[in-house]
Amino acid sequence: MSGPLVLDAATMTRLMGPAAVTDVLAQALKAGVDPDAGPARTAVPVPAGELLLMPAAFGSFAGVKVAGVAPANPARGLPRITGSYLLLDGADLQPLALLDGAALTELRTPAVSALAVRHLAADDRPLRLVLFGSGPQAYAHLEAVLAAREVAEAVVVARHAAGGRALAGYARTLGVLARTGTPAEVAGADLVVCCTTAREPLFDGTLVAPGATVVAVGSHEPAARETDTALVVRSEVYVEARSAALREAGDLLVPLAEGAIGAEHVAGDLADLVTGRGRPSAGRPRFFKSVGMAWEDLVVATALYRAAGRS
């Protein structure tokens, strides 16, 4: 009997692009995936950083991602995020496929963001994008946003100037008017995307215009955040799942601890947006916070497995 199918990063990227991955996530939510029903992520401290264990089961499949977060790796020329995903047959838990875990994260996280953008930045005019970060997730988010919406201009704000220039240059190769800028440029943005390792707010939330959308994906720790309390208080807030957000999302937990908001401040989740149960109101910023969830990995891994010709 042959062993599990092995899917490396290049194969995964070839099998499914950002738009297809976004569609797969939307279809899963419409089919009844309950993001709040899955087990919590397990985080285990290790000398190099932490190991994350993320199991899930839905339909005919189950799976588990073991991800490593190694903060010192970039200085060594190595990826900060490592890991593997094991896809299993849901009926007997026999291994079906082994996928590159970091590549899976780079596919599903931007697709979750793009799915939120589809519903929160809902009008058809080209967007003015301000993108914080210059790592792999920033590149992947640029591509996912472009697959979802037309972008009039992209402004890259990065801690490292060379990285910001490189990403802006890459955006120009995709036909986007792009340059580097400063945090204050969120004032003119229709869409702000934060995909950094920052632990403190990246910009002044009072500057964000009513009707603009902010997406933050960079942290999954209660004490780390990319956005400030002012933005959260002003915004209509959506999350992947309330349980995960109120357990892990520092962007919300810090304002909660300050007494600036209550748990009821979360207006809805991704399933609400996709199914039409939740409709963003006018006149306020829209804020989507994601922390990354195991059901997303399973849904995308299953789709990749099927795209590779397995059923």
Protein backbone atom coordinates (compact mmCIF):
# COMPACT_ATOMS: atom_id res chain seq x y z
CA MET A 1 0.00 0.00 0.00
CA SER A 2 1.38 3.42 -0.95
CA GLY A 3 2.03 6.00 1.73
CA PRO A 4 0.34 9.38 2.18
CA LEU A 5 0.40 11.90 -0.65
CA VAL A 6 3.08 14.52 -0.05
CA LEU A 7 2.31 18.09 -1.12
CA ASP A 8 5.14 20.62 -1.01
CA ALA A 9 4.76 24.40 -1.09
CA ALA A 10 5.25 24.75 -4.86
CA THR A 11 2.67 22.08 -5.62
CA MET A 12 0.13 23.60 -3.24
CA THR A 13 0.51 27.03 -4.84
CA ARG A 14 0.11 25.50 -8.29
CA LEU A 15 -3.01 23.55 -7.31
CA MET A 16 -4.99 26.46 -5.84
CA GLY A 17 -4.74 30.22 -6.09
CA PRO A 18 -6.03 32.81 -3.61
CA ALA A 19 -9.49 33.16 -5.15
CA ALA A 20 -10.08 29.40 -5.15
CA VAL A 21 -8.97 29.06 -1.53
CA THR A 22 -11.28 31.92 -0.54
CA ASP A 23 -14.19 30.23 -2.32
CA VAL A 24 -13.49 26.94 -0.54
CA LEU A 25 -13.68 28.61 2.88
CA ALA A 26 -16.95 30.32 1.97
CA GLN A 27 -18.43 27.04 0.75
CA ALA A 28 -17.46 25.28 3.99
CA LEU A 29 -19.20 27.91 6.11
CA LYS A 30 -22.31 27.69 3.96
CA ALA A 31 -22.17 23.88 4.31
CA GLY A 32 -22.38 24.15 8.07
CA VAL A 33 -18.87 24.25 9.50
CA ASP A 34 -19.23 25.61 13.03
CA PRO A 35 -16.01 27.47 13.86
CA ASP A 36 -16.94 27.66 17.54
CA ALA A 37 -17.32 23.88 17.83
CA GLY A 38 -13.68 22.90 17.31
CA PRO A 39 -11.07 22.37 20.03
CA ALA A 40 -8.87 25.23 21.15
CA ARG A 41 -5.36 25.56 19.81
CA THR A 42 -2.74 24.06 22.09
CA ALA A 43 0.44 26.13 22.52
CA VAL A 44 3.51 24.51 24.05
CA PRO A 45 6.59 26.62 24.91
CA VAL A 46 9.86 25.14 23.64
CA PRO A 47 13.43 26.55 23.68
CA ALA A 48 13.18 27.88 20.10
CA GLY A 49 9.73 29.46 20.57
CA GLU A 50 6.48 27.54 20.67
CA LEU A 51 4.74 24.57 19.09
CA LEU A 52 1.09 24.90 18.11
CA LEU A 53 -1.18 21.86 17.82
CA MET A 54 -4.38 22.39 15.80
CA PRO A 55 -6.71 19.40 15.24
CA ALA A 56 -10.07 19.44 13.44
CA ALA A 57 -12.66 17.12 11.89
CA PHE A 58 -15.48 17.84 9.45
CA GLY A 59 -17.34 15.71 6.93
CA SER A 60 -15.22 12.88 5.53
CA PHE A 61 -11.89 14.19 6.78
CA ALA A 62 -9.90 14.97 9.89
CA GLY A 63 -6.48 16.51 10.29
CA VAL A 64 -3.96 18.16 12.53
CA LYS A 65 -1.39 20.88 12.01
CA VAL A 66 1.78 21.02 14.06
CA ALA A 67 3.24 24.49 13.58
CA GLY A 68 6.42 25.93 14.98
CA VAL A 69 6.88 29.61 15.73
CA ALA A 70 10.59 30.43 15.98
CA PRO A 71 11.12 34.19 16.48
CA ALA A 72 14.91 33.98 16.03
CA ASN A 73 14.71 32.22 12.67
CA PRO A 74 14.50 35.26 10.36
CA ALA A 75 17.84 36.54 11.65
CA ARG A 76 19.30 33.19 10.60
CA GLY A 77 17.73 33.36 7.16
CA LEU A 78 15.09 30.77 8.12
CA PRO A 79 11.28 31.01 8.12
CA ARG A 80 9.64 32.17 11.34
CA ILE A 81 6.73 29.75 10.82
CA THR A 82 7.44 26.04 10.26
CA GLY A 83 5.41 22.86 10.46
CA SER A 84 3.43 20.14 8.74
CA TYR A 85 -0.19 19.19 8.22
CA LEU A 86 -1.41 15.59 8.40
CA LEU A 87 -4.71 14.96 6.59
CA LEU A 88 -6.62 11.86 7.70
CA ASP A 89 -9.57 9.84 6.48
CA GLY A 90 -12.44 10.82 8.74
CA ALA A 91 -13.84 7.28 8.92
CA ASP A 92 -10.74 5.39 10.03
CA LEU A 93 -8.13 8.11 10.68
CA GLN A 94 -5.73 6.58 8.17
CA PRO A 95 -3.18 9.14 6.85
CA LEU A 96 -4.04 10.50 3.43
CA ALA A 97 -1.64 13.38 2.85
CA LEU A 98 1.21 15.32 4.39
CA LEU A 99 1.30 19.00 3.50
CA ASP A 100 3.80 21.79 4.09
CA GLY A 101 2.33 23.46 7.18
CA ALA A 102 3.89 26.88 6.63
CA ALA A 103 2.67 26.97 3.02
CA LEU A 104 -0.79 25.95 4.19
CA THR A 105 -0.81 28.85 6.66
CA GLU A 106 0.29 31.22 3.89
CA LEU A 107 -2.63 30.07 1.76
CA ARG A 108 -5.46 29.99 4.29
CA THR A 109 -4.74 33.09 6.40
CA PRO A 110 -4.92 35.56 3.48
CA ALA A 111 -7.95 33.73 2.10
CA VAL A 112 -9.77 34.22 5.41
CA SER A 113 -8.92 37.92 5.21
CA ALA A 114 -10.04 38.14 1.58
CA LEU A 115 -13.34 36.48 2.48
CA ALA A 116 -13.93 39.12 5.14
CA VAL A 117 -12.95 41.88 2.70
CA ARG A 118 -15.51 40.58 0.18
CA HIS A 119 -18.26 41.30 2.68
CA LEU A 120 -16.93 44.24 4.68
CA ALA A 121 -15.52 46.33 1.81
CA ALA A 122 -18.57 45.60 -0.26
CA ASP A 123 -18.82 48.42 -2.80
CA ASP A 124 -17.18 47.98 -6.19
CA ARG A 125 -14.88 50.96 -6.37
CA PRO A 126 -11.11 50.33 -6.43
CA LEU A 127 -9.62 50.31 -2.96
CA ARG A 128 -6.84 52.39 -1.49
CA LEU A 129 -4.86 49.79 0.45
CA VAL A 130 -2.44 50.37 3.31
CA LEU A 131 -0.52 47.19 4.06
CA PHE A 132 1.54 46.79 7.22
CA GLY A 133 4.35 44.23 7.02
CA SER A 134 6.82 42.90 4.47
CA GLY A 135 7.08 39.20 5.31
CA PRO A 136 5.48 36.17 3.62
CA GLN A 137 2.01 36.97 4.94
CA ALA A 138 2.22 40.52 3.57
CA TYR A 139 3.02 39.19 0.09
CA ALA A 140 0.28 36.57 0.34
CA HIS A 141 -2.26 39.14 1.58
CA LEU A 142 -1.44 41.46 -1.30
CA GLU A 143 -2.17 38.66 -3.76
CA ALA A 144 -5.35 37.60 -1.95
CA VAL A 145 -6.72 41.16 -1.81
CA LEU A 146 -5.99 41.61 -5.52
CA ALA A 147 -7.87 38.39 -6.24
CA ALA A 148 -10.86 39.73 -4.32
CA ARG A 149 -10.93 43.42 -5.27
CA GLU A 150 -9.43 45.99 -7.59
CA VAL A 151 -6.79 48.11 -5.86
CA ALA A 152 -6.25 51.72 -6.92
CA GLU A 153 -3.09 52.16 -4.86
CA ALA A 154 -1.11 50.13 -2.34
CA VAL A 155 0.96 51.80 0.37
CA VAL A 156 3.38 49.51 2.20
CA VAL A 157 4.35 50.38 5.77
CA ALA A 158 7.19 48.19 7.02
CA ARG A 159 9.56 48.19 9.95
CA HIS A 160 12.47 47.47 7.61
CA ALA A 161 12.72 49.98 4.77
CA ALA A 162 14.33 47.54 2.34
CA GLY A 163 11.57 45.00 2.91
CA GLY A 164 8.90 47.63 2.32
CA ARG A 165 10.53 48.76 -0.92
CA ALA A 166 10.77 45.15 -2.11
CA LEU A 167 7.09 44.49 -1.47
CA ALA A 168 6.04 47.74 -3.14
CA GLY A 169 8.18 46.76 -6.12
CA TYR A 170 6.52 43.36 -6.24
CA ALA A 171 3.09 45.02 -6.18
CA ARG A 172 4.10 47.09 -9.19
CA THR A 173 4.97 43.91 -11.11
CA LEU A 174 1.35 42.88 -10.52
CA GLY A 175 0.13 46.10 -12.14
CA VAL A 176 -0.61 47.98 -8.92
CA LEU A 177 0.38 51.58 -8.30
CA ALA A 178 2.45 51.05 -5.15
CA ARG A 179 4.87 52.86 -2.87
CA THR A 180 6.08 52.86 0.72
CA GLY A 181 4.54 55.15 3.31
CA THR A 182 3.92 55.93 6.96
CA PRO A 183 1.33 54.79 9.52
CA ALA A 184 -0.53 58.10 9.26
CA GLU A 185 -1.62 57.13 5.74
CA VAL A 186 -4.37 54.95 7.20
CA ALA A 187 -6.37 58.20 7.19
CA GLY A 188 -6.79 57.90 3.43
CA ALA A 189 -7.27 54.15 3.24
CA ASP A 190 -10.34 52.16 2.25
CA LEU A 191 -8.65 48.97 3.46
CA VAL A 192 -5.92 48.54 6.07
CA VAL A 193 -4.30 45.10 6.38
CA CYS A 194 -1.98 44.31 9.31
CA CYS A 195 0.17 41.19 9.04
CA THR A 196 3.14 41.83 11.29
CA THR A 197 4.77 40.44 14.41
CA ALA A 198 4.10 43.68 16.28
CA ARG A 199 2.99 43.44 19.90
CA GLU A 200 1.87 47.09 20.18
CA PRO A 201 -0.51 49.13 17.99
CA LEU A 202 0.84 50.07 14.58
CA PHE A 203 -1.19 53.25 14.00
CA ASP A 204 -3.59 55.76 15.56
CA GLY A 205 -7.06 54.26 15.28
CA THR A 206 -8.77 57.65 15.40
CA LEU A 207 -7.39 58.33 11.91
CA VAL A 208 -9.28 55.50 10.20
CA ALA A 209 -12.20 56.83 8.15
CA PRO A 210 -15.81 55.76 8.77
CA GLY A 211 -16.63 53.02 6.26
CA ALA A 212 -13.02 51.87 5.96
CA THR A 213 -12.15 48.24 6.68
CA VAL A 214 -9.26 47.11 8.90
CA VAL A 215 -8.03 43.51 8.93
CA ALA A 216 -5.53 42.32 11.56
CA VAL A 217 -3.99 38.84 11.39
CA GLY A 218 -0.57 39.11 12.97
CA SER A 219 -1.14 37.94 16.55
CA HIS A 220 -2.87 35.13 18.41
CA GLU A 221 -1.73 36.02 21.92
CA PRO A 222 -3.87 37.77 24.57
CA ALA A 223 -1.25 40.46 25.27
CA ALA A 224 -0.19 41.19 21.66
CA ARG A 225 -2.09 43.46 19.30
CA GLU A 226 -1.63 45.43 16.07
CA THR A 227 -4.53 47.85 16.57
CA ASP A 228 -5.34 50.24 19.40
CA THR A 229 -8.31 50.54 21.71
CA ALA A 230 -9.58 53.67 19.94
CA LEU A 231 -10.05 51.76 16.68
CA VAL A 232 -11.80 48.83 18.33
CA VAL A 233 -14.20 51.10 20.24
CA ARG A 234 -15.11 53.02 17.06
CA SER A 235 -15.51 49.93 14.89
CA GLU A 236 -18.09 47.33 14.08
CA VAL A 237 -16.11 44.20 14.95
CA TYR A 238 -16.19 40.82 13.20
CA VAL A 239 -14.13 37.73 14.02
CA GLU A 240 -13.60 34.16 12.76
CA ALA A 241 -15.33 32.80 15.86
CA ARG A 242 -16.22 34.46 19.12
CA SER A 243 -14.72 31.67 21.22
CA ALA A 244 -11.29 31.89 19.60
CA ALA A 245 -11.25 35.69 19.51
CA LEU A 246 -12.17 36.05 23.17
CA ARG A 247 -9.54 33.48 24.07
CA GLU A 248 -6.59 34.62 21.94
CA ALA A 249 -7.09 38.00 20.24
CA GLY A 250 -5.14 40.67 22.10
CA ASP A 251 -6.63 43.29 19.77
CA LEU A 252 -9.92 42.64 21.58
CA LEU A 253 -8.77 41.28 24.93
CA VAL A 254 -6.71 44.36 25.82
CA PRO A 255 -9.68 46.74 25.31
CA LEU A 256 -11.84 44.27 27.23
CA ALA A 257 -9.39 44.29 30.14
CA GLU A 258 -9.34 48.09 30.05
CA GLY A 259 -13.12 48.16 30.32
CA ALA A 260 -13.40 50.01 27.01
CA ILE A 261 -15.66 47.35 25.46
CA GLY A 262 -17.65 44.31 26.54
CA ALA A 263 -17.83 40.91 24.85
CA GLU A 264 -21.08 42.02 23.20
CA HIS A 265 -19.06 44.55 21.18
CA VAL A 266 -18.32 41.75 18.68
CA ALA A 267 -21.01 42.27 16.06
CA GLY A 268 -20.64 38.94 14.30
CA ASP A 269 -18.38 36.27 12.89
CA LEU A 270 -17.26 35.16 9.45
CA ALA A 271 -20.15 32.70 9.12
CA ASP A 272 -22.60 35.55 9.79
CA LEU A 273 -21.08 37.54 6.94
CA VAL A 274 -20.94 34.63 4.49
CA THR A 275 -24.49 33.45 5.14
CA GLY A 276 -25.98 36.94 5.20
CA ARG A 277 -27.00 36.80 8.87
CA GLY A 278 -24.72 39.78 9.51
CA ARG A 279 -24.71 42.95 7.43
CA PRO A 280 -22.21 45.73 8.17
CA SER A 281 -23.74 49.05 9.05
CA ALA A 282 -22.71 52.35 7.53
CA GLY A 283 -20.89 55.20 9.23
CA ARG A 284 -18.32 53.23 11.25
CA PRO A 285 -15.02 51.52 10.48
CA ARG A 286 -15.31 47.74 10.05
CA PHE A 287 -12.70 45.71 11.90
CA PHE A 288 -12.00 42.03 11.23
CA LYS A 289 -9.70 40.19 13.59
CA SER A 290 -8.44 36.68 12.87
CA VAL A 291 -6.19 34.43 14.92
CA GLY A 292 -6.10 31.38 12.62
CA MET A 293 -8.23 28.31 13.29
CA ALA A 294 -7.92 24.57 12.73
CA TRP A 295 -11.12 24.26 10.67
CA GLU A 296 -9.60 26.56 8.06
CA ASP A 297 -6.51 24.37 7.72
CA LEU A 298 -8.65 21.25 7.37
CA VAL A 299 -10.92 22.78 4.73
CA VAL A 300 -8.02 24.03 2.63
CA ALA A 301 -5.97 20.83 3.04
CA THR A 302 -8.99 18.78 1.93
CA ALA A 303 -9.47 20.98 -1.13
CA LEU A 304 -5.79 20.65 -2.05
CA TYR A 305 -5.98 16.88 -1.65
CA ARG A 306 -8.96 16.77 -4.00
CA ALA A 307 -7.32 19.17 -6.45
CA ALA A 308 -4.36 16.79 -6.60
CA GLY A 309 -6.72 14.15 -7.97
CA ARG A 310 -7.53 12.31 -4.74
CA SER A 311 -11.06 11.95 -3.43
